[in-house]
C-alpha atoms as a PDB file:
ATOM      1  CA  UNK A   1     -18.754  15.992   6.504  1.00  0.00           C
ATOM      2  CA  UNK A   2     -19.882  13.432   3.943  1.00  0.00           C
ATOM      3  CA  UNK A   3     -23.568  13.792   3.099  1.00  0.00           C
ATOM      4  CA  UNK A   4     -25.304  11.422   5.543  1.00  0.00           C
ATOM      5  CA  UNK A   5     -27.667   9.997   2.920  1.00  0.00           C
ATOM      6  CA  UNK A   6     -25.832   8.300   0.039  1.00  0.00           C
ATOM      7  CA  UNK A   7     -27.812   9.514  -2.964  1.00  0.00           C
ATOM      8  CA  UNK A   8     -26.982  10.855  -6.397  1.00  0.00           C
ATOM      9  CA  UNK A   9     -24.216  10.046  -8.844  1.00  0.00           C
ATOM     10  CA  UNK A  10     -21.673   8.980  -6.198  1.00  0.00           C
ATOM     11  CA  UNK A  11     -24.124   7.014  -4.043  1.00  0.00           C
ATOM     12  CA  UNK A  12     -22.424   3.639  -4.560  1.00  0.00           C
ATOM     13  CA  UNK A  13     -19.024   5.020  -3.569  1.00  0.00           C
ATOM     14  CA  UNK A  14     -20.495   6.652  -0.460  1.00  0.00           C
ATOM     15  CA  UNK A  15     -22.028   3.352   0.627  1.00  0.00           C
ATOM     16  CA  UNK A  16     -18.622   1.699   0.345  1.00  0.00           C
ATOM     17  CA  UNK A  17     -17.101   4.559   2.341  1.00  0.00           C
ATOM     18  CA  UNK A  18     -19.622   4.062   5.153  1.00  0.00           C
ATOM     19  CA  UNK A  19     -18.953   0.304   5.209  1.00  0.00           C
ATOM     20  CA  UNK A  20     -15.204   0.998   5.211  1.00  0.00           C
ATOM     21  CA  UNK A  21     -15.563   3.385   8.146  1.00  0.00           C
ATOM     22  CA  UNK A  22     -17.505   0.750  10.068  1.00  0.00           C
ATOM     23  CA  UNK A  23     -14.875  -1.894   9.330  1.00  0.00           C
ATOM     24  CA  UNK A  24     -12.047   0.379  10.452  1.00  0.00           C
ATOM     25  CA  UNK A  25     -13.973   1.190  13.638  1.00  0.00           C
ATOM     26  CA  UNK A  26     -14.450  -2.511  14.405  1.00  0.00           C
ATOM     27  CA  UNK A  27     -10.814  -3.392  13.790  1.00  0.00           C
ATOM     28  CA  UNK A  28      -9.702  -0.668  16.195  1.00  0.00           C
ATOM     29  CA  UNK A  29     -11.775  -2.267  18.952  1.00  0.00           C
ATOM     30  CA  UNK A  30     -11.907  -5.604  20.685  1.00  0.00           C
ATOM     31  CA  UNK A  31     -13.308  -8.959  19.605  1.00  0.00           C
ATOM     32  CA  UNK A  32     -16.812  -8.059  20.767  1.00  0.00           C
ATOM     33  CA  UNK A  33     -16.729  -4.962  18.540  1.00  0.00           C
ATOM     34  CA  UNK A  34     -15.533  -7.114  15.653  1.00  0.00           C
ATOM     35  CA  UNK A  35     -18.473  -9.469  15.953  1.00  0.00           C
ATOM     36  CA  UNK A  36     -21.149  -6.841  16.528  1.00  0.00           C
ATOM     37  CA  UNK A  37     -20.044  -4.646  13.624  1.00  0.00           C
ATOM     38  CA  UNK A  38     -19.623  -7.634  11.311  1.00  0.00           C
ATOM     39  CA  UNK A  39     -23.183  -8.663  12.083  1.00  0.00           C
ATOM     40  CA  UNK A  40     -24.372  -5.099  11.544  1.00  0.00           C
ATOM     41  CA  UNK A  41     -22.555  -4.771   8.204  1.00  0.00           C
ATOM     42  CA  UNK A  42     -23.938  -8.117   7.029  1.00  0.00           C
ATOM     43  CA  UNK A  43     -27.466  -7.117   7.978  1.00  0.00           C
ATOM     44  CA  UNK A  44     -27.162  -3.744   6.249  1.00  0.00           C
ATOM     45  CA  UNK A  45     -25.683  -5.102   3.037  1.00  0.00           C
ATOM     46  CA  UNK A  46     -28.244  -7.901   2.867  1.00  0.00           C
ATOM     47  CA  UNK A  47     -31.471  -6.211   3.897  1.00  0.00           C
ATOM     48  CA  UNK A  48     -31.186  -2.408   4.247  1.00  0.00           C
ATOM     49  CA  UNK A  49     -33.019  -0.225   1.709  1.00  0.00           C
ATOM     50  CA  UNK A  50     -30.714   2.776   1.267  1.00  0.00           C
ATOM     51  CA  UNK A  51     -33.180   4.816  -0.767  1.00  0.00           C
ATOM     52  CA  UNK A  52     -35.988   4.533   1.802  1.00  0.00           C
ATOM     53  CA  UNK A  53     -33.804   4.306   4.926  1.00  0.00           C
ATOM     54  CA  UNK A  54     -35.660   1.178   5.899  1.00  0.00           C
ATOM     55  CA  UNK A  55     -34.632  -2.073   7.510  1.00  0.00           C
ATOM     56  CA  UNK A  56     -37.659  -4.331   7.869  1.00  0.00           C
ATOM     57  CA  UNK A  57     -36.675  -7.869   8.778  1.00  0.00           C
ATOM     58  CA  UNK A  58     -37.861 -10.265  11.471  1.00  0.00           C
ATOM     59  CA  UNK A  59     -35.776 -11.639  14.309  1.00  0.00           C
ATOM     60  CA  UNK A  60     -36.032 -15.185  12.975  1.00  0.00           C
ATOM     61  CA  UNK A  61     -34.620 -14.138   9.605  1.00  0.00           C
ATOM     62  CA  UNK A  62     -31.830 -12.174  11.293  1.00  0.00           C
ATOM     63  CA  UNK A  63     -30.998 -15.167  13.484  1.00  0.00           C
ATOM     64  CA  UNK A  64     -30.681 -17.329  10.370  1.00  0.00           C
ATOM     65  CA  UNK A  65     -28.487 -14.710   8.668  1.00  0.00           C
ATOM     66  CA  UNK A  66     -26.198 -14.426  11.688  1.00  0.00           C
ATOM     67  CA  UNK A  67     -26.246 -18.168  12.534  1.00  0.00           C
ATOM     68  CA  UNK A  68     -27.386 -17.440  16.107  1.00  0.00           C
ATOM     69  CA  UNK A  69     -30.547 -17.866  18.174  1.00  0.00           C
ATOM     70  CA  UNK A  70     -33.247 -15.217  18.540  1.00  0.00           C
ATOM     71  CA  UNK A  71     -32.152 -14.321  22.074  1.00  0.00           C
ATOM     72  CA  UNK A  72     -28.773 -13.266  20.654  1.00  0.00           C
ATOM     73  CA  UNK A  73     -30.550 -11.234  17.980  1.00  0.00           C
ATOM     74  CA  UNK A  74     -32.528  -9.347  20.628  1.00  0.00           C
ATOM     75  CA  UNK A  75     -29.380  -8.621  22.601  1.00  0.00           C
ATOM     76  CA  UNK A  76     -27.349  -7.442  19.595  1.00  0.00           C
ATOM     77  CA  UNK A  77     -30.148  -5.324  18.165  1.00  0.00           C
ATOM     78  CA  UNK A  78     -30.505  -3.662  21.575  1.00  0.00           C
ATOM     79  CA  UNK A  79     -26.769  -2.829  21.494  1.00  0.00           C
ATOM     80  CA  UNK A  80     -27.116  -1.301  18.031  1.00  0.00           C
ATOM     81  CA  UNK A  81     -30.049   0.815  19.193  1.00  0.00           C
ATOM     82  CA  UNK A  82     -28.097   1.796  22.299  1.00  0.00           C
ATOM     83  CA  UNK A  83     -25.160   3.165  20.297  1.00  0.00           C
ATOM     84  CA  UNK A  84     -27.588   5.069  18.084  1.00  0.00           C
ATOM     85  CA  UNK A  85     -26.866   3.245  14.833  1.00  0.00           C
ATOM     86  CA  UNK A  86     -30.367   1.773  14.614  1.00  0.00           C
ATOM     87  CA  UNK A  87     -33.546   3.733  15.326  1.00  0.00           C
ATOM     88  CA  UNK A  88     -37.059   2.305  15.490  1.00  0.00           C
ATOM     89  CA  UNK A  89     -39.294   3.826  12.813  1.00  0.00           C
ATOM     90  CA  UNK A  90     -42.341   1.657  13.478  1.00  0.00           C
ATOM     91  CA  UNK A  91     -42.748  -0.859  16.254  1.00  0.00           C
ATOM     92  CA  UNK A  92     -43.783  -4.345  15.197  1.00  0.00           C
ATOM     93  CA  UNK A  93     -47.246  -5.564  16.165  1.00  0.00           C
ATOM     94  CA  UNK A  94     -49.741  -8.278  15.150  1.00  0.00           C
ATOM     95  CA  UNK A  95     -47.352 -10.206  12.975  1.00  0.00           C
ATOM     96  CA  UNK A  96     -45.721  -7.099  11.506  1.00  0.00           C
ATOM     97  CA  UNK A  97     -41.956  -6.835  11.962  1.00  0.00           C
ATOM     98  CA  UNK A  98     -40.350  -3.784  13.512  1.00  0.00           C
ATOM     99  CA  UNK A  99     -39.060  -1.289  10.962  1.00  0.00           C
ATOM    100  CA  UNK A 100     -35.707   0.304  11.650  1.00  0.00           C
ATOM    101  CA  UNK A 101     -33.770   3.134  10.105  1.00  0.00           C
ATOM    102  CA  UNK A 102     -30.052   3.894  10.216  1.00  0.00           C
ATOM    103  CA  UNK A 103     -28.819   7.049  11.895  1.00  0.00           C
ATOM    104  CA  UNK A 104     -25.952   7.713   9.495  1.00  0.00           C
ATOM    105  CA  UNK A 105     -24.945  10.854  11.380  1.00  0.00           C
ATOM    106  CA  UNK A 106     -24.379   8.767  14.513  1.00  0.00           C
ATOM    107  CA  UNK A 107     -22.442   6.144  12.554  1.00  0.00           C
ATOM    108  CA  UNK A 108     -20.194   8.739  10.959  1.00  0.00           C
ATOM    109  CA  UNK A 109     -19.585  10.535  14.248  1.00  0.00           C
ATOM    110  CA  UNK A 110     -18.643   7.334  16.080  1.00  0.00           C
ATOM    111  CA  UNK A 111     -16.319   6.128  13.340  1.00  0.00           C
ATOM    112  CA  UNK A 112     -14.672   9.529  12.772  1.00  0.00           C
ATOM    113  CA  UNK A 113     -11.493   8.788  14.840  1.00  0.00           C
ATOM    114  CA  UNK A 114     -10.668   5.874  12.511  1.00  0.00           C
ATOM    115  CA  UNK A 115     -10.993   7.817   9.214  1.00  0.00           C
ATOM    116  CA  UNK A 116      -7.318   8.897   9.165  1.00  0.00           C
ATOM    117  CA  UNK A 117      -6.328   5.241   9.666  1.00  0.00           C
ATOM    118  CA  UNK A 118      -7.809   4.417   6.265  1.00  0.00           C
ATOM    119  CA  UNK A 119      -5.821   7.196   4.583  1.00  0.00           C
ATOM    120  CA  UNK A 120      -5.673  10.985   4.231  1.00  0.00           C
ATOM    121  CA  UNK A 121      -7.720  10.898   1.015  1.00  0.00           C
ATOM    122  CA  UNK A 122     -10.471   8.936   2.786  1.00  0.00           C
ATOM    123  CA  UNK A 123     -10.395  11.303   5.757  1.00  0.00           C
ATOM    124  CA  UNK A 124     -10.789  14.346   3.491  1.00  0.00           C
ATOM    125  CA  UNK A 125     -13.577  12.707   1.506  1.00  0.00           C
ATOM    126  CA  UNK A 126     -15.520  11.734   4.639  1.00  0.00           C
ATOM    127  CA  UNK A 127     -15.219  15.306   5.909  1.00  0.00           C
ATOM    128  CA  UNK A 128     -16.719  16.526   2.648  1.00  0.00           C
ATOM    129  CA  UNK A 129     -13.544  18.281   1.518  1.00  0.00           C
ATOM    130  CA  UNK A 130     -12.695  18.039  -2.181  1.00  0.00           C
ATOM    131  CA  UNK A 131      -9.791  15.740  -2.904  1.00  0.00           C
ATOM    132  CA  UNK A 132      -6.801  17.586  -4.330  1.00  0.00           C
ATOM    133  CA  UNK A 133      -6.145  16.985  -7.999  1.00  0.00           C
ATOM    134  CA  UNK A 134      -3.043  17.863  -9.906  1.00  0.00           C
ATOM    135  CA  UNK A 135      -1.542  17.164 -13.277  1.00  0.00           C
ATOM    136  CA  UNK A 136       1.523  14.963 -12.966  1.00  0.00           C
ATOM    137  CA  UNK A 137       3.577  15.011 -16.172  1.00  0.00           C
ATOM    138  CA  UNK A 138       5.113  11.791 -17.403  1.00  0.00           C
ATOM    139  CA  UNK A 139       8.920  11.723 -17.307  1.00  0.00           C
ATOM    140  CA  UNK A 140      10.502  13.309 -20.352  1.00  0.00           C
ATOM    141  CA  UNK A 141      13.750  11.968 -21.775  1.00  0.00           C
ATOM    142  CA  UNK A 142      15.748  15.099 -22.282  1.00  0.00           C
ATOM    143  CA  UNK A 143      14.213  18.487 -22.842  1.00  0.00           C
ATOM    144  CA  UNK A 144      11.584  19.101 -25.486  1.00  0.00           C
ATOM    145  CA  UNK A 145      13.043  21.714 -27.847  1.00  0.00           C
ATOM    146  CA  UNK A 146      11.351  25.020 -28.440  1.00  0.00           C
ATOM    147  CA  UNK A 147       8.725  24.356 -31.129  1.00  0.00           C
ATOM    148  CA  UNK A 148       9.299  25.881 -34.563  1.00  0.00           C
ATOM    149  CA  UNK A 149       6.888  28.561 -35.754  1.00  0.00           C
ATOM    150  CA  UNK A 150       7.585  28.355 -39.482  1.00  0.00           C
ATOM    151  CA  UNK A 151       4.170  26.866 -40.222  1.00  0.00           C
ATOM    152  CA  UNK A 152       2.481  29.992 -38.957  1.00  0.00           C
ATOM    153  CA  UNK A 153      -0.704  28.171 -37.904  1.00  0.00           C
ATOM    154  CA  UNK A 154      -2.443  29.084 -34.674  1.00  0.00           C
ATOM    155  CA  UNK A 155      -1.346  25.741 -33.203  1.00  0.00           C
ATOM    156  CA  UNK A 156       2.312  26.323 -34.133  1.00  0.00           C
ATOM    157  CA  UNK A 157       2.215  29.687 -32.394  1.00  0.00           C
ATOM    158  CA  UNK A 158       0.278  28.322 -29.396  1.00  0.00           C
ATOM    159  CA  UNK A 159       2.923  25.637 -28.918  1.00  0.00           C
ATOM    160  CA  UNK A 160       5.562  28.277 -28.263  1.00  0.00           C
ATOM    161  CA  UNK A 161       3.303  29.757 -25.567  1.00  0.00           C
ATOM    162  CA  UNK A 162       2.742  26.366 -23.945  1.00  0.00           C
ATOM    163  CA  UNK A 163       6.455  25.539 -24.036  1.00  0.00           C
ATOM    164  CA  UNK A 164       7.307  28.828 -22.352  1.00  0.00           C
ATOM    165  CA  UNK A 165       4.677  28.290 -19.632  1.00  0.00           C
ATOM    166  CA  UNK A 166       5.769  24.766 -18.648  1.00  0.00           C
ATOM    167  CA  UNK A 167       8.356  22.924 -20.712  1.00  0.00           C
ATOM    168  CA  UNK A 168       7.792  19.721 -18.687  1.00  0.00           C
ATOM    169  CA  UNK A 169       4.068  19.489 -19.326  1.00  0.00           C
ATOM    170  CA  UNK A 170       4.610  20.525 -22.942  1.00  0.00           C
ATOM    171  CA  UNK A 171       7.229  17.826 -23.451  1.00  0.00           C
ATOM    172  CA  UNK A 172       5.142  15.134 -21.756  1.00  0.00           C
ATOM    173  CA  UNK A 173       1.729  15.782 -23.245  1.00  0.00           C
ATOM    174  CA  UNK A 174       1.516  18.573 -25.799  1.00  0.00           C
ATOM    175  CA  UNK A 175       4.405  18.488 -28.244  1.00  0.00           C
ATOM    176  CA  UNK A 176       3.101  15.257 -29.851  1.00  0.00           C
ATOM    177  CA  UNK A 177      -0.284  16.820 -30.668  1.00  0.00           C
ATOM    178  CA  UNK A 178      -0.686  17.710 -34.332  1.00  0.00           C
ATOM    179  CA  UNK A 179      -3.136  20.058 -35.980  1.00  0.00           C
ATOM    180  CA  UNK A 180      -5.899  18.017 -37.651  1.00  0.00           C
ATOM    181  CA  UNK A 181      -8.186  20.728 -38.977  1.00  0.00           C
ATOM    182  CA  UNK A 182     -10.133  23.860 -38.151  1.00  0.00           C
ATOM    183  CA  UNK A 183     -13.794  24.635 -38.667  1.00  0.00           C
ATOM    184  CA  UNK A 184     -14.752  28.203 -37.785  1.00  0.00           C
ATOM    185  CA  UNK A 185     -13.553  28.839 -34.253  1.00  0.00           C
ATOM    186  CA  UNK A 186     -12.992  25.163 -33.463  1.00  0.00           C
ATOM    187  CA  UNK A 187      -9.480  23.720 -33.687  1.00  0.00           C
ATOM    188  CA  UNK A 188      -9.109  19.927 -33.736  1.00  0.00           C
ATOM    189  CA  UNK A 189      -5.827  18.408 -32.564  1.00  0.00           C
ATOM    190  CA  UNK A 190      -4.708  14.817 -33.097  1.00  0.00           C
ATOM    191  CA  UNK A 191      -3.178  12.838 -30.217  1.00  0.00           C
ATOM    192  CA  UNK A 192      -0.889   9.824 -30.730  1.00  0.00           C
ATOM    193  CA  UNK A 193      -3.156   7.475 -28.711  1.00  0.00           C
ATOM    194  CA  UNK A 194      -6.606   7.324 -27.144  1.00  0.00           C
ATOM    195  CA  UNK A 195      -5.129   7.406 -23.647  1.00  0.00           C
ATOM    196  CA  UNK A 196      -2.978  10.397 -24.492  1.00  0.00           C
ATOM    197  CA  UNK A 197      -5.928  12.213 -26.045  1.00  0.00           C
ATOM    198  CA  UNK A 198      -8.239  11.426 -23.122  1.00  0.00           C
ATOM    199  CA  UNK A 199      -5.679  12.735 -20.626  1.00  0.00           C
ATOM    200  CA  UNK A 200      -5.163  15.996 -22.492  1.00  0.00           C
ATOM    201  CA  UNK A 201      -8.916  16.426 -22.992  1.00  0.00           C
ATOM    202  CA  UNK A 202      -9.555  15.907 -19.266  1.00  0.00           C
ATOM    203  CA  UNK A 203      -6.643  17.778 -17.693  1.00  0.00           C
ATOM    204  CA  UNK A 204      -5.130  20.216 -20.179  1.00  0.00           C
ATOM    205  CA  UNK A 205      -7.870  21.441 -22.526  1.00  0.00           C
ATOM    206  CA  UNK A 206      -8.310  24.722 -20.666  1.00  0.00           C
ATOM    207  CA  UNK A 207      -4.583  25.435 -20.884  1.00  0.00           C
ATOM    208  CA  UNK A 208      -4.425  24.550 -24.583  1.00  0.00           C
ATOM    209  CA  UNK A 209      -7.469  26.682 -25.410  1.00  0.00           C
ATOM    210  CA  UNK A 210      -6.030  29.665 -23.539  1.00  0.00           C
ATOM    211  CA  UNK A 211      -2.780  29.404 -25.525  1.00  0.00           C
ATOM    212  CA  UNK A 212      -4.684  29.197 -28.817  1.00  0.00           C
ATOM    213  CA  UNK A 213      -6.784  32.215 -27.917  1.00  0.00           C
ATOM    214  CA  UNK A 214      -3.655  34.134 -26.919  1.00  0.00           C
ATOM    215  CA  UNK A 215      -2.402  33.906 -30.508  1.00  0.00           C
ATOM    216  CA  UNK A 216      -5.786  33.902 -32.280  1.00  0.00           C
ATOM    217  CA  UNK A 217      -8.776  35.529 -30.593  1.00  0.00           C
ATOM    218  CA  UNK A 218     -11.157  33.899 -33.095  1.00  0.00           C
ATOM    219  CA  UNK A 219     -10.552  30.442 -31.584  1.00  0.00           C
ATOM    220  CA  UNK A 220     -13.516  29.482 -29.409  1.00  0.00           C
ATOM    221  CA  UNK A 221     -13.070  25.738 -28.844  1.00  0.00           C
ATOM    222  CA  UNK A 222     -10.510  22.948 -29.025  1.00  0.00           C
ATOM    223  CA  UNK A 223     -11.173  19.240 -29.513  1.00  0.00           C
ATOM    224  CA  UNK A 224      -8.670  16.416 -28.988  1.00  0.00           C
ATOM    225  CA  UNK A 225      -9.035  13.277 -31.103  1.00  0.00           C
ATOM    226  CA  UNK A 226      -6.961  10.104 -31.425  1.00  0.00           C
END
């Protein structure tokens, strides 16, 4: 399952995922669920400290945020504690407000039935499973011809390997790459555009390098420029 505490490089995305799960849960329920979860989401986004797992805000301030009276705040906060979403970390006393924390495990468990409603990618992500990735070639008009090998360079020879492996991917992304230069074991290839180069660099570099090494074992690296 998704790491309960949203920290690290993908923390912002995880926060949005938690809010999305809460919204989907509310929409699957009745009008009372809608209102309670909307109030909870508003309170969390406005006042919750994600890094410290701390929600320290007084009932008067919450009442102002929710446009209700303090009696309603007491009732709604009791409901949130009852479902396990809010836990008391330190009870308020002598003018000090009560400090709450969020039980993200409880939130995720309660919202789990609604994850598939958001989408299969969301469901997989919330379960902690890696999202499938695949290279989808752009449509090719006609068939890319078998590349010539007259030049005799390592790239000319590697192109024949790449064409034989997957003519579709070769025709979509690789046949327009040209040999720019070579320095030692590094081969630099020129792409027709920055987008094209970035795509090849991200998705196809390993395949290109393997083809180059198949025809020239001295090649150790490949760089795509535009």
